[in-house]
Each structure stands twice: as C-alpha cells, then as structure tokens.
PDB file of all heavy atoms in Angstrom:
ATOM      1  N   GLY A   1      90.657  64.498 119.707  1.00  0.00           N
ATOM      2  CA  GLY A   1      90.596  63.120 119.244  1.00  0.00           C
ATOM      3  C   GLY A   1      89.414  62.410 119.881  1.00  0.00           C
ATOM      4  O   GLY A   1      88.291  62.899 119.844  1.00  0.00           O
ATOM      5  N   GLN A   2      89.678  61.280 120.509  1.00  0.00           N
ATOM      6  CA  GLN A   2      88.630  60.497 121.160  1.00  0.00           C
ATOM      7  C   GLN A   2      88.393  60.910 122.616  1.00  0.00           C
ATOM      8  O   GLN A   2      87.498  60.387 123.269  1.00  0.00           O
ATOM      9  CB  GLN A   2      88.995  59.009 121.118  1.00  0.00           C
ATOM     10  CG  GLN A   2      89.103  58.454 119.710  1.00  0.00           C
ATOM     11  CD  GLN A   2      87.782  58.532 118.965  1.00  0.00           C
ATOM     12  OE1 GLN A   2      86.741  58.186 119.502  1.00  0.00           O
ATOM     13  NE2 GLN A   2      87.821  58.988 117.731  1.00  0.00           N
ATOM     14  N   ASP A   3      89.212  61.835 123.137  1.00  0.00           N
ATOM     15  CA  ASP A   3      89.100  62.251 124.534  1.00  0.00           C
ATOM     16  C   ASP A   3      88.172  63.445 124.690  1.00  0.00           C
ATOM     17  O   ASP A   3      88.167  64.354 123.857  1.00  0.00           O
ATOM     18  CB  ASP A   3      90.475  62.615 125.106  1.00  0.00           C
ATOM     19  CG  ASP A   3      91.381  61.410 125.229  1.00  0.00           C
ATOM     20  OD1 ASP A   3      90.872  60.312 125.535  1.00  0.00           O
ATOM     21  OD2 ASP A   3      92.595  61.556 125.011  1.00  0.00           O
ATOM     22  N   ALA A   4      87.411  63.438 125.774  1.00  0.00           N
ATOM     23  CA  ALA A   4      86.507  64.549 126.076  1.00  0.00           C
ATOM     24  C   ALA A   4      86.652  64.946 127.537  1.00  0.00           C
ATOM     25  O   ALA A   4      86.696  64.096 128.427  1.00  0.00           O
ATOM     26  CB  ALA A   4      85.064  64.151 125.796  1.00  0.00           C
ATOM     27  N   LEU A   5      86.744  66.242 127.756  1.00  0.00           N
ATOM     28  CA  LEU A   5      86.778  66.805 129.112  1.00  0.00           C
ATOM     29  C   LEU A   5      85.477  67.537 129.362  1.00  0.00           C
ATOM     30  O   LEU A   5      84.986  68.251 128.487  1.00  0.00           O
ATOM     31  CB  LEU A   5      87.917  67.815 129.270  1.00  0.00           C
ATOM     32  CG  LEU A   5      89.340  67.336 129.116  1.00  0.00           C
ATOM     33  CD1 LEU A   5      90.293  68.515 129.336  1.00  0.00           C
ATOM     34  CD2 LEU A   5      89.647  66.218 130.075  1.00  0.00           C
ATOM     35  N   LEU A   6      84.950  67.381 130.552  1.00  0.00           N
ATOM     36  CA  LEU A   6      83.774  68.126 130.985  1.00  0.00           C
ATOM     37  C   LEU A   6      84.147  68.908 132.221  1.00  0.00           C
ATOM     38  O   LEU A   6      84.646  68.328 133.206  1.00  0.00           O
ATOM     39  CB  LEU A   6      82.614  67.186 131.296  1.00  0.00           C
ATOM     40  CG  LEU A   6      82.129  66.293 130.159  1.00  0.00           C
ATOM     41  CD1 LEU A   6      81.054  65.343 130.652  1.00  0.00           C
ATOM     42  CD2 LEU A   6      81.599  67.128 129.020  1.00  0.00           C
ATOM     43  N   LEU A   7      83.946  70.205 132.186  1.00  0.00           N
ATOM     44  CA  LEU A   7      84.201  71.076 133.323  1.00  0.00           C
ATOM     45  C   LEU A   7      82.978  71.949 133.530  1.00  0.00           C
ATOM     46  O   LEU A   7      82.330  72.352 132.558  1.00  0.00           O
ATOM     47  CB  LEU A   7      85.414  71.981 133.070  1.00  0.00           C
ATOM     48  CG  LEU A   7      86.742  71.294 132.794  1.00  0.00           C
ATOM     49  CD1 LEU A   7      87.041  71.311 131.320  1.00  0.00           C
ATOM     50  CD2 LEU A   7      87.846  71.972 133.561  1.00  0.00           C
ATOM     51  N   GLN A   8      82.685  72.249 134.774  1.00  0.00           N
ATOM     52  CA  GLN A   8      81.522  73.078 135.080  1.00  0.00           C
ATOM     53  C   GLN A   8      81.977  74.325 135.828  1.00  0.00           C
ATOM     54  O   GLN A   8      82.854  74.257 136.689  1.00  0.00           O
ATOM     55  CB  GLN A   8      80.525  72.292 135.923  1.00  0.00           C
ATOM     56  CG  GLN A   8      79.208  73.007 136.103  1.00  0.00           C
ATOM     57  CD  GLN A   8      78.209  72.113 136.809  1.00  0.00           C
ATOM     58  OE1 GLN A   8      78.552  71.367 137.705  1.00  0.00           O
ATOM     59  NE2 GLN A   8      76.954  72.213 136.401  1.00  0.00           N
ATOM     60  N   ILE A   9      81.370  75.450 135.490  1.00  0.00           N
ATOM     61  CA  ILE A   9      81.707  76.715 136.132  1.00  0.00           C
ATOM     62  C   ILE A   9      81.564  76.572 137.652  1.00  0.00           C
ATOM     63  O   ILE A   9      80.582  76.025 138.149  1.00  0.00           O
ATOM     64  CB  ILE A   9      80.803  77.852 135.602  1.00  0.00           C
ATOM     65  CG1 ILE A   9      80.986  78.027 134.089  1.00  0.00           C
ATOM     66  CG2 ILE A   9      81.060  79.165 136.345  1.00  0.00           C
ATOM     67  CD1 ILE A   9      82.389  78.336 133.630  1.00  0.00           C
ATOM     68  N   ASP A  10      82.581  77.064 138.367  1.00  0.00           N
ATOM     69  CA  ASP A  10      82.641  77.079 139.840  1.00  0.00           C
ATOM     70  C   ASP A  10      82.648  75.688 140.469  1.00  0.00           C
ATOM     71  O   ASP A  10      82.285  75.524 141.626  1.00  0.00           O
ATOM     72  CB  ASP A  10      81.492  77.914 140.425  1.00  0.00           C
ATOM     73  CG  ASP A  10      81.565  79.374 140.004  1.00  0.00           C
ATOM     74  OD1 ASP A  10      82.688  79.890 139.859  1.00  0.00           O
ATOM     75  OD2 ASP A  10      80.512  79.985 139.806  1.00  0.00           O
ATOM     76  N   ASN A  11      83.112  74.685 139.721  1.00  0.00           N
ATOM     77  CA  ASN A  11      83.164  73.316 140.227  1.00  0.00           C
ATOM     78  C   ASN A  11      84.570  72.762 139.987  1.00  0.00           C
ATOM     79  O   ASN A  11      85.069  72.821 138.865  1.00  0.00           O
ATOM     80  CB  ASN A  11      82.124  72.460 139.503  1.00  0.00           C
ATOM     81  CG  ASN A  11      81.955  71.086 140.094  1.00  0.00           C
ATOM     82  OD1 ASN A  11      82.843  70.561 140.754  1.00  0.00           O
ATOM     83  ND2 ASN A  11      80.817  70.492 139.847  1.00  0.00           N
ATOM     84  N   VAL A  12      85.208  72.222 141.027  1.00  0.00           N
ATOM     85  CA  VAL A  12      86.575  71.711 140.895  1.00  0.00           C
ATOM     86  C   VAL A  12      86.635  70.258 140.432  1.00  0.00           C
ATOM     87  O   VAL A  12      87.711  69.678 140.378  1.00  0.00           O
ATOM     88  CB  VAL A  12      87.386  71.875 142.207  1.00  0.00           C
ATOM     89  CG1 VAL A  12      87.610  73.341 142.520  1.00  0.00           C
ATOM     90  CG2 VAL A  12      86.723  71.133 143.351  1.00  0.00           C
ATOM     91  N   THR A  13      85.502  69.679 140.086  1.00  0.00           N
ATOM     92  CA  THR A  13      85.497  68.315 139.553  1.00  0.00           C
ATOM     93  C   THR A  13      85.515  68.374 138.029  1.00  0.00           C
ATOM     94  O   THR A  13      84.670  69.011 137.416  1.00  0.00           O
ATOM     95  CB  THR A  13      84.255  67.536 140.027  1.00  0.00           C
ATOM     96  OG1 THR A  13      84.212  67.550 141.451  1.00  0.00           O
ATOM     97  CG2 THR A  13      84.303  66.105 139.545  1.00  0.00           C
ATOM     98  N   MET A  14      86.510  67.722 137.440  1.00  0.00           N
ATOM     99  CA  MET A  14      86.636  67.637 135.987  1.00  0.00           C
ATOM    100  C   MET A  14      86.459  66.167 135.609  1.00  0.00           C
ATOM    101  O   MET A  14      86.876  65.276 136.359  1.00  0.00           O
ATOM    102  CB  MET A  14      88.018  68.130 135.545  1.00  0.00           C
ATOM    103  CG  MET A  14      88.309  67.974 134.064  1.00  0.00           C
ATOM    104  SD  MET A  14      89.931  68.633 133.568  1.00  0.00           S
ATOM    105  CE  MET A  14      91.030  67.389 134.235  1.00  0.00           C
ATOM    106  N   TYR A  15      85.852  65.913 134.463  1.00  0.00           N
ATOM    107  CA  TYR A  15      85.680  64.545 133.988  1.00  0.00           C
ATOM    108  C   TYR A  15      86.407  64.381 132.665  1.00  0.00           C
ATOM    109  O   TYR A  15      86.246  65.196 131.759  1.00  0.00           O
ATOM    110  CB  TYR A  15      84.196  64.220 133.790  1.00  0.00           C
ATOM    111  CG  TYR A  15      83.421  64.241 135.078  1.00  0.00           C
ATOM    112  CD1 TYR A  15      82.833  65.412 135.536  1.00  0.00           C
ATOM    113  CD2 TYR A  15      83.293  63.086 135.833  1.00  0.00           C
ATOM    114  CE1 TYR A  15      82.133  65.436 136.729  1.00  0.00           C
ATOM    115  CE2 TYR A  15      82.594  63.108 137.034  1.00  0.00           C
ATOM    116  CZ  TYR A  15      82.012  64.282 137.474  1.00  0.00           C
ATOM    117  OH  TYR A  15      81.330  64.301 138.653  1.00  0.00           O
ATOM    118  N   LYS A  16      87.227  63.332 132.583  1.00  0.00           N
ATOM    119  CA  LYS A  16      87.869  62.973 131.318  1.00  0.00           C
ATOM    120  C   LYS A  16      87.335  61.603 130.941  1.00  0.00           C
ATOM    121  O   LYS A  16      87.559  60.616 131.658  1.00  0.00           O
ATOM    122  CB  LYS A  16      89.389  62.926 131.444  1.00  0.00           C
ATOM    123  CG  LYS A  16      90.067  62.524 130.137  1.00  0.00           C
ATOM    124  CD  LYS A  16      91.570  62.462 130.252  1.00  0.00           C
ATOM    125  CE  LYS A  16      92.184  62.046 128.927  1.00  0.00           C
ATOM    126  NZ  LYS A  16      93.646  61.907 129.044  1.00  0.00           N
ATOM    127  N   ASN A  17      86.616  61.555 129.835  1.00  0.00           N
ATOM    128  CA  ASN A  17      86.015  60.303 129.374  1.00  0.00           C
ATOM    129  C   ASN A  17      85.225  59.624 130.483  1.00  0.00           C
ATOM    130  O   ASN A  17      85.260  58.415 130.651  1.00  0.00           O
ATOM    131  CB  ASN A  17      87.089  59.369 128.810  1.00  0.00           C
ATOM    132  CG  ASN A  17      87.838  59.994 127.658  1.00  0.00           C
ATOM    133  OD1 ASN A  17      87.288  60.781 126.899  1.00  0.00           O
ATOM    134  ND2 ASN A  17      89.101  59.662 127.527  1.00  0.00           N
ATOM    135  N   GLY A  18      84.546  60.427 131.293  1.00  0.00           N
ATOM    136  CA  GLY A  18      83.706  59.898 132.360  1.00  0.00           C
ATOM    137  C   GLY A  18      84.403  59.655 133.674  1.00  0.00           C
ATOM    138  O   GLY A  18      83.755  59.380 134.687  1.00  0.00           O
ATOM    139  N   ASN A  19      85.734  59.764 133.706  1.00  0.00           N
ATOM    140  CA  ASN A  19      86.495  59.556 134.937  1.00  0.00           C
ATOM    141  C   ASN A  19      86.690  60.875 135.674  1.00  0.00           C
ATOM    142  O   ASN A  19      87.161  61.856 135.097  1.00  0.00           O
ATOM    143  CB  ASN A  19      87.853  58.916 134.634  1.00  0.00           C
ATOM    144  CG  ASN A  19      87.711  57.551 134.014  1.00  0.00           C
ATOM    145  OD1 ASN A  19      86.963  56.713 134.511  1.00  0.00           O
ATOM    146  ND2 ASN A  19      88.406  57.314 132.913  1.00  0.00           N
ATOM    147  N   GLU A  20      86.349  60.868 136.949  1.00  0.00           N
ATOM    148  CA  GLU A  20      86.380  62.079 137.768  1.00  0.00           C
ATOM    149  C   GLU A  20      87.797  62.403 138.240  1.00  0.00           C
ATOM    150  O   GLU A  20      88.562  61.524 138.618  1.00  0.00           O
ATOM    151  CB  GLU A  20      85.485  61.840 138.981  1.00  0.00           C
ATOM    152  CG  GLU A  20      85.402  62.994 139.934  1.00  0.00           C
ATOM    153  CD  GLU A  20      84.472  62.684 141.095  1.00  0.00           C
ATOM    154  OE1 GLU A  20      83.303  62.330 140.854  1.00  0.00           O
ATOM    155  OE2 GLU A  20      84.948  62.791 142.232  1.00  0.00           O
ATOM    156  N   LYS A  21      88.116  63.695 138.225  1.00  0.00           N
ATOM    157  CA  LYS A  21      89.386  64.181 138.775  1.00  0.00           C
ATOM    158  C   LYS A  21      89.115  65.528 139.434  1.00  0.00           C
ATOM    159  O   LYS A  21      88.455  66.387 138.861  1.00  0.00           O
ATOM    160  CB  LYS A  21      90.440  64.341 137.683  1.00  0.00           C
ATOM    161  CG  LYS A  21      91.742  64.877 138.245  1.00  0.00           C
ATOM    162  CD  LYS A  21      92.837  64.979 137.233  1.00  0.00           C
ATOM    163  CE  LYS A  21      94.056  65.537 137.935  1.00  0.00           C
ATOM    164  NZ  LYS A  21      95.233  65.502 137.155  1.00  0.00           N
ATOM    165  N   ILE A  22      89.650  65.710 140.632  1.00  0.00           N
ATOM    166  CA  ILE A  22      89.541  66.996 141.320  1.00  0.00           C
ATOM    167  C   ILE A  22      90.708  67.868 140.876  1.00  0.00           C
ATOM    168  O   ILE A  22      91.867  67.445 140.915  1.00  0.00           O
ATOM    169  CB  ILE A  22      89.562  66.807 142.851  1.00  0.00           C
ATOM    170  CG1 ILE A  22      88.442  65.870 143.296  1.00  0.00           C
ATOM    171  CG2 ILE A  22      89.460  68.157 143.554  1.00  0.00           C
ATOM    172  CD1 ILE A  22      87.045  66.310 142.922  1.00  0.00           C
ATOM    173  N   ILE A  23      90.398  69.080 140.437  1.00  0.00           N
ATOM    174  CA  ILE A  23      91.433  70.022 139.992  1.00  0.00           C
ATOM    175  C   ILE A  23      91.544  71.148 141.012  1.00  0.00           C
ATOM    176  O   ILE A  23      90.653  71.352 141.834  1.00  0.00           O
ATOM    177  CB  ILE A  23      91.129  70.558 138.580  1.00  0.00           C
ATOM    178  CG1 ILE A  23      89.725  71.179 138.491  1.00  0.00           C
ATOM    179  CG2 ILE A  23      91.271  69.433 137.560  1.00  0.00           C
ATOM    180  CD1 ILE A  23      89.380  71.773 137.130  1.00  0.00           C
ATOM    181  N   ASP A  24      92.663  71.853 140.993  1.00  0.00           N
ATOM    182  CA  ASP A  24      92.902  72.863 142.038  1.00  0.00           C
ATOM    183  C   ASP A  24      92.170  74.182 141.822  1.00  0.00           C
ATOM    184  O   ASP A  24      91.986  74.945 142.762  1.00  0.00           O
ATOM    185  CB  ASP A  24      94.400  73.103 142.227  1.00  0.00           C
ATOM    186  CG  ASP A  24      95.093  73.656 141.000  1.00  0.00           C
ATOM    187  OD1 ASP A  24      94.454  73.735 139.931  1.00  0.00           O
ATOM    188  OD2 ASP A  24      96.278  74.005 141.099  1.00  0.00           O
ATOM    189  N   THR A  25      91.724  74.439 140.597  1.00  0.00           N
ATOM    190  CA  THR A  25      91.039  75.699 140.301  1.00  0.00           C
ATOM    191  C   THR A  25      89.811  75.423 139.447  1.00  0.00           C
ATOM    192  O   THR A  25      89.901  74.728 138.433  1.00  0.00           O
ATOM    193  CB  THR A  25      91.983  76.652 139.535  1.00  0.00           C
ATOM    194  OG1 THR A  25      93.173  76.841 140.296  1.00  0.00           O
ATOM    195  CG2 THR A  25      91.331  77.986 139.279  1.00  0.00           C
ATOM    196  N   ALA A  26      88.691  75.963 139.842  1.00  0.00           N
ATOM    197  CA  ALA A  26      87.453  75.765 139.086  1.00  0.00           C
ATOM    198  C   ALA A  26      87.380  76.732 137.901  1.00  0.00           C
ATOM    199  O   ALA A  26      87.869  77.866 137.987  1.00  0.00           O
ATOM    200  CB  ALA A  26      86.244  75.995 139.986  1.00  0.00           C
ATOM    201  N   PRO A  27      86.763  76.319 136.812  1.00  0.00           N
ATOM    202  CA  PRO A  27      86.488  77.258 135.724  1.00  0.00           C
ATOM    203  C   PRO A  27      85.589  78.386 136.247  1.00  0.00           C
ATOM    204  O   PRO A  27      84.825  78.187 137.188  1.00  0.00           O
ATOM    205  CB  PRO A  27      85.732  76.413 134.700  1.00  0.00           C
ATOM    206  CG  PRO A  27      86.070  75.005 135.022  1.00  0.00           C
ATOM    207  CD  PRO A  27      86.281  74.967 136.498  1.00  0.00           C
ATOM    208  N   THR A  28      85.702  79.528 135.633  1.00  0.00           N
ATOM    209  CA  THR A  28      84.914  80.683 136.061  1.00  0.00           C
ATOM    210  C   THR A  28      84.562  81.544 134.860  1.00  0.00           C
ATOM    211  O   THR A  28      85.087  81.346 133.770  1.00  0.00           O
ATOM    212  CB  THR A  28      85.686  81.488 137.125  1.00  0.00           C
ATOM    213  OG1 THR A  28      84.817  82.451 137.708  1.00  0.00           O
ATOM    214  CG2 THR A  28      86.899  82.189 136.553  1.00  0.00           C
ATOM    215  N   ILE A  29      83.690  82.488 135.076  1.00  0.00           N
ATOM    216  CA  ILE A  29      83.340  83.454 134.030  1.00  0.00           C
ATOM    217  C   ILE A  29      83.760  84.833 134.516  1.00  0.00           C
ATOM    218  O   ILE A  29      83.375  85.255 135.611  1.00  0.00           O
ATOM    219  CB  ILE A  29      81.831  83.420 133.715  1.00  0.00           C
ATOM    220  CG1 ILE A  29      81.446  82.043 133.167  1.00  0.00           C
ATOM    221  CG2 ILE A  29      81.479  84.522 132.714  1.00  0.00           C
ATOM    222  CD1 ILE A  29      79.963  81.847 132.947  1.00  0.00           C
ATOM    223  N   ILE A  30      84.556  85.513 133.697  1.00  0.00           N
ATOM    224  CA  ILE A  30      85.032  86.860 134.009  1.00  0.00           C
ATOM    225  C   ILE A  30      84.727  87.746 132.812  1.00  0.00           C
ATOM    226  O   ILE A  30      85.152  87.431 131.687  1.00  0.00           O
ATOM    227  CB  ILE A  30      86.551  86.878 134.309  1.00  0.00           C
ATOM    228  CG1 ILE A  30      86.870  85.977 135.506  1.00  0.00           C
ATOM    229  CG2 ILE A  30      87.042  88.307 134.542  1.00  0.00           C
ATOM    230  CD1 ILE A  30      88.351  85.789 135.759  1.00  0.00           C
ATOM    231  N   ASN A  31      83.993  88.816 133.033  1.00  0.00           N
ATOM    232  CA  ASN A  31      83.637  89.742 131.957  1.00  0.00           C
ATOM    233  C   ASN A  31      83.035  89.009 130.753  1.00  0.00           C
ATOM    234  O   ASN A  31      83.435  89.221 129.613  1.00  0.00           O
ATOM    235  CB  ASN A  31      84.839  90.574 131.519  1.00  0.00           C
ATOM    236  CG  ASN A  31      85.351  91.471 132.615  1.00  0.00           C
ATOM    237  OD1 ASN A  31      84.593  91.973 133.434  1.00  0.00           O
ATOM    238  ND2 ASN A  31      86.659  91.655 132.672  1.00  0.00           N
ATOM    239  N   SER A  32      82.100  88.123 131.022  1.00  0.00           N
ATOM    240  CA  SER A  32      81.389  87.360 129.990  1.00  0.00           C
ATOM    241  C   SER A  32      82.286  86.397 129.211  1.00  0.00           C
ATOM    242  O   SER A  32      81.921  85.945 128.132  1.00  0.00           O
ATOM    243  CB  SER A  32      80.669  88.292 129.013  1.00  0.00           C
ATOM    244  OG  SER A  32      79.728  89.084 129.693  1.00  0.00           O
ATOM    245  N   ARG A  33      83.453  86.082 129.741  1.00  0.00           N
ATOM    246  CA  ARG A  33      84.377  85.134 129.110  1.00  0.00           C
ATOM    247  C   ARG A  33      84.553  83.935 130.024  1.00  0.00           C
ATOM    248  O   ARG A  33      84.714  84.087 131.236  1.00  0.00           O
ATOM    249  CB  ARG A  33      85.759  85.758 128.869  1.00  0.00           C
ATOM    250  CG  ARG A  33      85.751  86.973 127.995  1.00  0.00           C
ATOM    251  CD  ARG A  33      85.677  86.576 126.562  1.00  0.00           C
ATOM    252  NE  ARG A  33      85.794  87.777 125.742  1.00  0.00           N
ATOM    253  CZ  ARG A  33      85.551  87.792 124.474  1.00  0.00           C
ATOM    254  NH1 ARG A  33      85.169  86.702 123.866  1.00  0.00           N
ATOM    255  NH2 ARG A  33      85.658  88.892 123.792  1.00  0.00           N
ATOM    256  N   THR A  34      84.548  82.751 129.449  1.00  0.00           N
ATOM    257  CA  THR A  34      84.755  81.532 130.222  1.00  0.00           C
ATOM    258  C   THR A  34      86.251  81.265 130.345  1.00  0.00           C
ATOM    259  O   THR A  34      86.956  81.192 129.334  1.00  0.00           O
ATOM    260  CB  THR A  34      84.071  80.334 129.541  1.00  0.00           C
ATOM    261  OG1 THR A  34      82.676  80.642 129.409  1.00  0.00           O
ATOM    262  CG2 THR A  34      84.245  79.069 130.338  1.00  0.00           C
ATOM    263  N   MET A  35      86.714  81.129 131.575  1.00  0.00           N
ATOM    264  CA  MET A  35      88.122  80.861 131.856  1.00  0.00           C
ATOM    265  C   MET A  35      88.238  79.449 132.426  1.00  0.00           C
ATOM    266  O   MET A  35      87.510  79.093 133.355  1.00  0.00           O
ATOM    267  CB  MET A  35      88.676  81.859 132.874  1.00  0.00           C
ATOM    268  CG  MET A  35      88.513  83.304 132.490  1.00  0.00           C
ATOM    269  SD  MET A  35      89.541  83.694 131.075  1.00  0.00           S
ATOM    270  CE  MET A  35      88.993  85.356 130.737  1.00  0.00           C
ATOM    271  N   VAL A  36      89.128  78.641 131.832  1.00  0.00           N
ATOM    272  CA  VAL A  36      89.370  77.295 132.338  1.00  0.00           C
ATOM    273  C   VAL A  36      90.827  77.199 132.784  1.00  0.00           C
ATOM    274  O   VAL A  36      91.689  77.908 132.251  1.00  0.00           O
ATOM    275  CB  VAL A  36      89.055  76.210 131.270  1.00  0.00           C
ATOM    276  CG1 VAL A  36      87.582  76.232 130.896  1.00  0.00           C
ATOM    277  CG2 VAL A  36      89.922  76.357 130.050  1.00  0.00           C
ATOM    278  N   PRO A  37      91.116  76.340 133.747  1.00  0.00           N
ATOM    279  CA  PRO A  37      92.505  76.203 134.202  1.00  0.00           C
ATOM    280  C   PRO A  37      93.354  75.494 133.145  1.00  0.00           C
ATOM    281  O   PRO A  37      93.189  74.303 132.893  1.00  0.00           O
ATOM    282  CB  PRO A  37      92.376  75.374 135.482  1.00  0.00           C
ATOM    283  CG  PRO A  37      91.068  74.673 135.369  1.00  0.00           C
ATOM    284  CD  PRO A  37      90.190  75.528 134.512  1.00  0.00           C
ATOM    285  N   VAL A  38      94.227  76.241 132.513  1.00  0.00           N
ATOM    286  CA  VAL A  38      94.983  75.735 131.359  1.00  0.00           C
ATOM    287  C   VAL A  38      95.855  74.546 131.742  1.00  0.00           C
ATOM    288  O   VAL A  38      95.976  73.593 130.966  1.00  0.00           O
ATOM    289  CB  VAL A  38      95.802  76.861 130.682  1.00  0.00           C
ATOM    290  CG1 VAL A  38      96.927  77.350 131.563  1.00  0.00           C
ATOM    291  CG2 VAL A  38      96.314  76.397 129.338  1.00  0.00           C
ATOM    292  N   ARG A  39      96.464  74.547 132.913  1.00  0.00           N
ATOM    293  CA  ARG A  39      97.309  73.410 133.298  1.00  0.00           C
ATOM    294  C   ARG A  39      96.479  72.132 133.387  1.00  0.00           C
ATOM    295  O   ARG A  39      96.870  71.087 132.876  1.00  0.00           O
ATOM    296  CB  ARG A  39      98.040  73.666 134.607  1.00  0.00           C
ATOM    297  CG  ARG A  39      98.898  72.456 135.034  1.00  0.00           C
ATOM    298  CD  ARG A  39      99.701  72.705 136.286  1.00  0.00           C
ATOM    299  NE  ARG A  39     100.736  73.693 136.113  1.00  0.00           N
ATOM    300  CZ  ARG A  39     101.956  73.450 135.610  1.00  0.00           C
ATOM    301  NH1 ARG A  39     102.259  72.232 135.200  1.00  0.00           N
ATOM    302  NH2 ARG A  39     102.834  74.405 135.504  1.00  0.00           N
ATOM    303  N   ALA A  40      95.332  72.195 134.025  1.00  0.00           N
ATOM    304  CA  ALA A  40      94.482  71.006 134.177  1.00  0.00           C
ATOM    305  C   ALA A  40      94.046  70.479 132.813  1.00  0.00           C
ATOM    306  O   ALA A  40      94.084  69.261 132.561  1.00  0.00           O
ATOM    307  CB  ALA A  40      93.270  71.319 135.045  1.00  0.00           C
TER     308      ALA A  40
END
C-alpha cells in the first residue's frame, strides 16, 4: 500500500516510511539469495 520498508544487507537498522527501527537480525545473502527477517 502506502507503506515502504528499507532494509540493507548486514545492517540491523530498518526504515518504515523514513522512521528508523532497530531489528534483531540483519538481512543477509545466502547462496545468492537475499534473506530478510520475516518477523520484522
């Protein structure tokens, strides 16, 4: 919808609509696949 999340590989800071939130697990790349923390 109108919401946007920004996550960066190996970074625990997530942005929702420009607002910063620290998450417990950083996104990563495993075997050429991008993995994001589904709960966050």
